[in-house]
Amino acid sequence: MSLFIRDAEIDALADELMRRLGTKSKSEAVLRALQNELMRADDKRPLVDRVSRIQDRVASRLGKDPSHYDDKAYMDAMWEV
């Protein structure tokens, strides 16, 4: 899907961002700008929501029954022992 920039000011800002970031295209510059804005928006969410999201991510890695999680096996795999 394409994104067409018809506004001269937006086009100039995309050019400037591309130059400053050293990206190869405006698309890459716009992608990075959008990713950064999404991160900033996440930072404005209440702390309880951000912590809950982290807890959910960790719980999904541990599985439904974390008592079966083997930290030694995880560390061995990480260190390729």
N, C-alpha and C. Protein backbone atom coordinates (compact mmCIF):
# COMPACT_ATOMS: atom_id res chain seq x y z
N MET A 1 0.85 -1.17 0.00
CA MET A 1 0.00 0.00 0.00
C MET A 1 0.89 1.23 0.00
N SER A 2 0.53 2.22 -0.76
CA SER A 2 1.34 3.43 -0.89
C SER A 2 0.83 4.56 -0.01
N LEU A 3 1.75 5.41 0.35
CA LEU A 3 1.44 6.62 1.08
C LEU A 3 1.88 7.77 0.19
N PHE A 4 0.94 8.59 -0.21
CA PHE A 4 1.25 9.72 -1.07
C PHE A 4 1.25 11.00 -0.25
N ILE A 5 2.32 11.75 -0.35
CA ILE A 5 2.43 13.02 0.36
C ILE A 5 2.19 14.13 -0.65
N ARG A 6 1.10 14.83 -0.45
CA ARG A 6 0.73 15.89 -1.39
C ARG A 6 1.01 17.29 -0.84
N ASP A 7 1.30 17.35 0.44
CA ASP A 7 1.54 18.63 1.10
C ASP A 7 3.03 18.97 1.01
N ALA A 8 3.36 20.15 0.50
CA ALA A 8 4.76 20.55 0.30
C ALA A 8 5.53 20.63 1.62
N GLU A 9 4.88 21.10 2.67
CA GLU A 9 5.55 21.21 3.97
C GLU A 9 5.89 19.83 4.53
N ILE A 10 4.96 18.90 4.41
CA ILE A 10 5.20 17.53 4.89
C ILE A 10 6.31 16.89 4.08
N ASP A 11 6.30 17.12 2.78
CA ASP A 11 7.34 16.57 1.91
C ASP A 11 8.71 17.13 2.30
N ALA A 12 8.77 18.42 2.59
CA ALA A 12 10.03 19.05 3.00
C ALA A 12 10.50 18.50 4.35
N LEU A 13 9.56 18.30 5.27
CA LEU A 13 9.92 17.73 6.57
C LEU A 13 10.42 16.30 6.41
N ALA A 14 9.80 15.52 5.55
CA ALA A 14 10.25 14.15 5.30
C ALA A 14 11.65 14.15 4.70
N ASP A 15 11.92 15.08 3.78
CA ASP A 15 13.26 15.22 3.21
C ASP A 15 14.29 15.55 4.28
N GLU A 16 13.95 16.50 5.15
CA GLU A 16 14.86 16.92 6.22
C GLU A 16 15.12 15.77 7.18
N LEU A 17 14.06 15.04 7.54
CA LEU A 17 14.22 13.91 8.45
C LEU A 17 15.08 12.82 7.80
N MET A 18 14.86 12.56 6.54
CA MET A 18 15.65 11.58 5.80
C MET A 18 17.13 11.98 5.84
N ARG A 19 17.40 13.25 5.62
CA ARG A 19 18.78 13.74 5.63
C ARG A 19 19.40 13.59 7.02
N ARG A 20 18.67 14.01 8.05
CA ARG A 20 19.21 13.96 9.42
C ARG A 20 19.41 12.54 9.93
N LEU A 21 18.49 11.65 9.58
CA LEU A 21 18.61 10.27 10.04
C LEU A 21 19.54 9.44 9.18
N GLY A 22 19.82 9.94 7.98
CA GLY A 22 20.68 9.21 7.06
C GLY A 22 20.00 8.00 6.46
N THR A 23 18.69 8.07 6.34
CA THR A 23 17.97 6.95 5.74
C THR A 23 18.07 7.03 4.22
N LYS A 24 17.79 5.90 3.57
CA LYS A 24 17.91 5.83 2.12
C LYS A 24 16.66 6.29 1.40
N SER A 25 15.55 6.40 2.15
CA SER A 25 14.30 6.81 1.50
C SER A 25 13.43 7.58 2.48
N LYS A 26 12.49 8.31 1.93
CA LYS A 26 11.53 9.02 2.76
C LYS A 26 10.65 8.02 3.51
N SER A 27 10.36 6.90 2.86
CA SER A 27 9.52 5.88 3.50
C SER A 27 10.16 5.39 4.79
N GLU A 28 11.46 5.15 4.75
CA GLU A 28 12.16 4.68 5.95
C GLU A 28 12.16 5.77 7.03
N ALA A 29 12.34 7.00 6.63
CA ALA A 29 12.32 8.12 7.58
C ALA A 29 10.94 8.25 8.22
N VAL A 30 9.90 8.15 7.40
CA VAL A 30 8.53 8.24 7.92
C VAL A 30 8.24 7.06 8.83
N LEU A 31 8.69 5.86 8.47
CA LEU A 31 8.51 4.67 9.30
C LEU A 31 9.12 4.89 10.68
N ARG A 32 10.36 5.36 10.71
CA ARG A 32 11.03 5.58 11.99
C ARG A 32 10.34 6.67 12.80
N ALA A 33 9.87 7.70 12.14
CA ALA A 33 9.16 8.77 12.85
C ALA A 33 7.86 8.25 13.45
N LEU A 34 7.15 7.45 12.70
CA LEU A 34 5.89 6.89 13.21
C LEU A 34 6.15 5.92 14.36
N GLN A 35 7.18 5.10 14.26
CA GLN A 35 7.53 4.19 15.35
C GLN A 35 7.88 4.96 16.61
N ASN A 36 8.64 6.04 16.46
CA ASN A 36 9.01 6.85 17.61
C ASN A 36 7.79 7.51 18.24
N GLU A 37 6.87 7.96 17.44
CA GLU A 37 5.66 8.59 17.97
C GLU A 37 4.80 7.57 18.71
N LEU A 38 4.74 6.35 18.21
CA LEU A 38 3.98 5.31 18.89
C LEU A 38 4.62 4.98 20.24
N MET A 39 5.95 4.96 20.31
CA MET A 39 6.63 4.74 21.58
C MET A 39 6.34 5.88 22.56
N ARG A 40 6.35 7.09 22.05
CA ARG A 40 6.05 8.24 22.91
C ARG A 40 4.62 8.17 23.43
N ALA A 41 3.70 7.74 22.57
CA ALA A 41 2.30 7.61 22.99
C ALA A 41 2.18 6.54 24.07
N ASP A 42 2.94 5.45 23.94
CA ASP A 42 2.93 4.40 24.96
C ASP A 42 3.46 4.93 26.28
N ASP A 43 4.45 5.81 26.24
CA ASP A 43 5.02 6.37 27.46
C ASP A 43 4.01 7.22 28.22
N LYS A 44 2.99 7.71 27.54
CA LYS A 44 1.98 8.54 28.19
C LYS A 44 0.88 7.70 28.84
N ARG A 45 0.87 6.39 28.55
CA ARG A 45 -0.12 5.52 29.17
C ARG A 45 0.18 5.40 30.65
N PRO A 46 -0.84 5.17 31.46
CA PRO A 46 -0.60 5.02 32.89
C PRO A 46 0.37 3.87 33.18
N LEU A 47 1.16 4.05 34.23
CA LEU A 47 2.17 3.06 34.59
C LEU A 47 1.56 1.68 34.78
N VAL A 48 0.40 1.61 35.39
CA VAL A 48 -0.23 0.32 35.64
C VAL A 48 -0.52 -0.41 34.32
N ASP A 49 -0.89 0.32 33.28
CA ASP A 49 -1.14 -0.28 31.98
C ASP A 49 0.15 -0.77 31.34
N ARG A 50 1.21 0.03 31.47
CA ARG A 50 2.50 -0.37 30.88
C ARG A 50 3.07 -1.60 31.58
N VAL A 51 2.96 -1.64 32.92
CA VAL A 51 3.46 -2.79 33.67
C VAL A 51 2.64 -4.03 33.34
N SER A 52 1.34 -3.86 33.23
CA SER A 52 0.47 -4.98 32.88
C SER A 52 0.84 -5.57 31.53
N ARG A 53 1.16 -4.72 30.59
CA ARG A 53 1.56 -5.18 29.25
C ARG A 53 2.85 -6.00 29.33
N ILE A 54 3.79 -5.54 30.14
CA ILE A 54 5.05 -6.28 30.32
C ILE A 54 4.78 -7.62 31.00
N GLN A 55 3.93 -7.60 32.02
CA GLN A 55 3.60 -8.85 32.72
C GLN A 55 2.93 -9.84 31.77
N ASP A 56 2.04 -9.37 30.92
CA ASP A 56 1.39 -10.25 29.95
C ASP A 56 2.40 -10.86 28.99
N ARG A 57 3.37 -10.04 28.56
CA ARG A 57 4.39 -10.53 27.64
C ARG A 57 5.25 -11.61 28.30
N VAL A 58 5.62 -11.39 29.56
CA VAL A 58 6.43 -12.38 30.28
C VAL A 58 5.61 -13.65 30.51
N ALA A 59 4.34 -13.50 30.90
CA ALA A 59 3.48 -14.66 31.14
C ALA A 59 3.32 -15.49 29.88
N SER A 60 3.26 -14.84 28.72
CA SER A 60 3.12 -15.60 27.47
C SER A 60 4.38 -16.41 27.17
N ARG A 61 5.51 -15.93 27.62
CA ARG A 61 6.77 -16.68 27.42
C ARG A 61 6.89 -17.85 28.38
N LEU A 62 6.36 -17.67 29.60
CA LEU A 62 6.47 -18.72 30.60
C LEU A 62 5.45 -19.84 30.39
N GLY A 63 4.37 -19.52 29.72
CA GLY A 63 3.33 -20.52 29.51
C GLY A 63 2.26 -20.43 30.59
N LYS A 64 1.27 -21.32 30.49
CA LYS A 64 0.14 -21.27 31.42
C LYS A 64 0.54 -21.66 32.84
N ASP A 65 1.50 -22.55 32.97
CA ASP A 65 1.93 -23.00 34.29
C ASP A 65 3.40 -22.66 34.49
N PRO A 66 3.70 -21.48 35.06
CA PRO A 66 5.09 -21.07 35.20
C PRO A 66 5.90 -21.94 36.15
N SER A 67 5.26 -22.82 36.93
CA SER A 67 6.02 -23.67 37.83
C SER A 67 6.88 -24.66 37.04
N HIS A 68 6.52 -24.90 35.78
CA HIS A 68 7.30 -25.79 34.93
C HIS A 68 8.43 -25.07 34.19
N TYR A 69 8.53 -23.79 34.42
CA TYR A 69 9.59 -23.02 33.77
C TYR A 69 10.93 -23.41 34.38
N ASP A 70 11.90 -23.73 33.54
CA ASP A 70 13.21 -24.16 33.99
C ASP A 70 14.23 -23.08 33.66
N ASP A 71 14.60 -22.31 34.68
CA ASP A 71 15.51 -21.20 34.48
C ASP A 71 16.90 -21.69 34.05
N LYS A 72 17.35 -22.83 34.59
CA LYS A 72 18.66 -23.35 34.22
C LYS A 72 18.69 -23.72 32.74
N ALA A 73 17.66 -24.38 32.26
CA ALA A 73 17.60 -24.74 30.84
C ALA A 73 17.59 -23.49 29.97
N TYR A 74 16.86 -22.49 30.42
CA TYR A 74 16.82 -21.23 29.67
C TYR A 74 18.21 -20.61 29.60
N MET A 75 18.89 -20.54 30.74
CA MET A 75 20.23 -19.94 30.77
C MET A 75 21.22 -20.77 29.95
N ASP A 76 21.13 -22.10 30.05
CA ASP A 76 22.01 -22.96 29.26
C ASP A 76 21.80 -22.73 27.77
N ALA A 77 20.54 -22.62 27.37
CA ALA A 77 20.24 -22.38 25.95
C ALA A 77 20.75 -21.01 25.52
N MET A 78 20.61 -20.04 26.40
CA MET A 78 21.06 -18.69 26.07
C MET A 78 22.58 -18.65 25.91
N TRP A 79 23.28 -19.39 26.75
CA TRP A 79 24.75 -19.40 26.70
C TRP A 79 25.29 -20.55 25.84
N GLU A 80 24.37 -21.27 25.20
CA GLU A 80 24.72 -22.38 24.31
C GLU A 80 25.61 -23.40 25.01
N VAL A 81 25.22 -23.78 26.23
CA VAL A 81 25.97 -24.77 27.02
C VAL A 81 25.50 -26.16 26.67
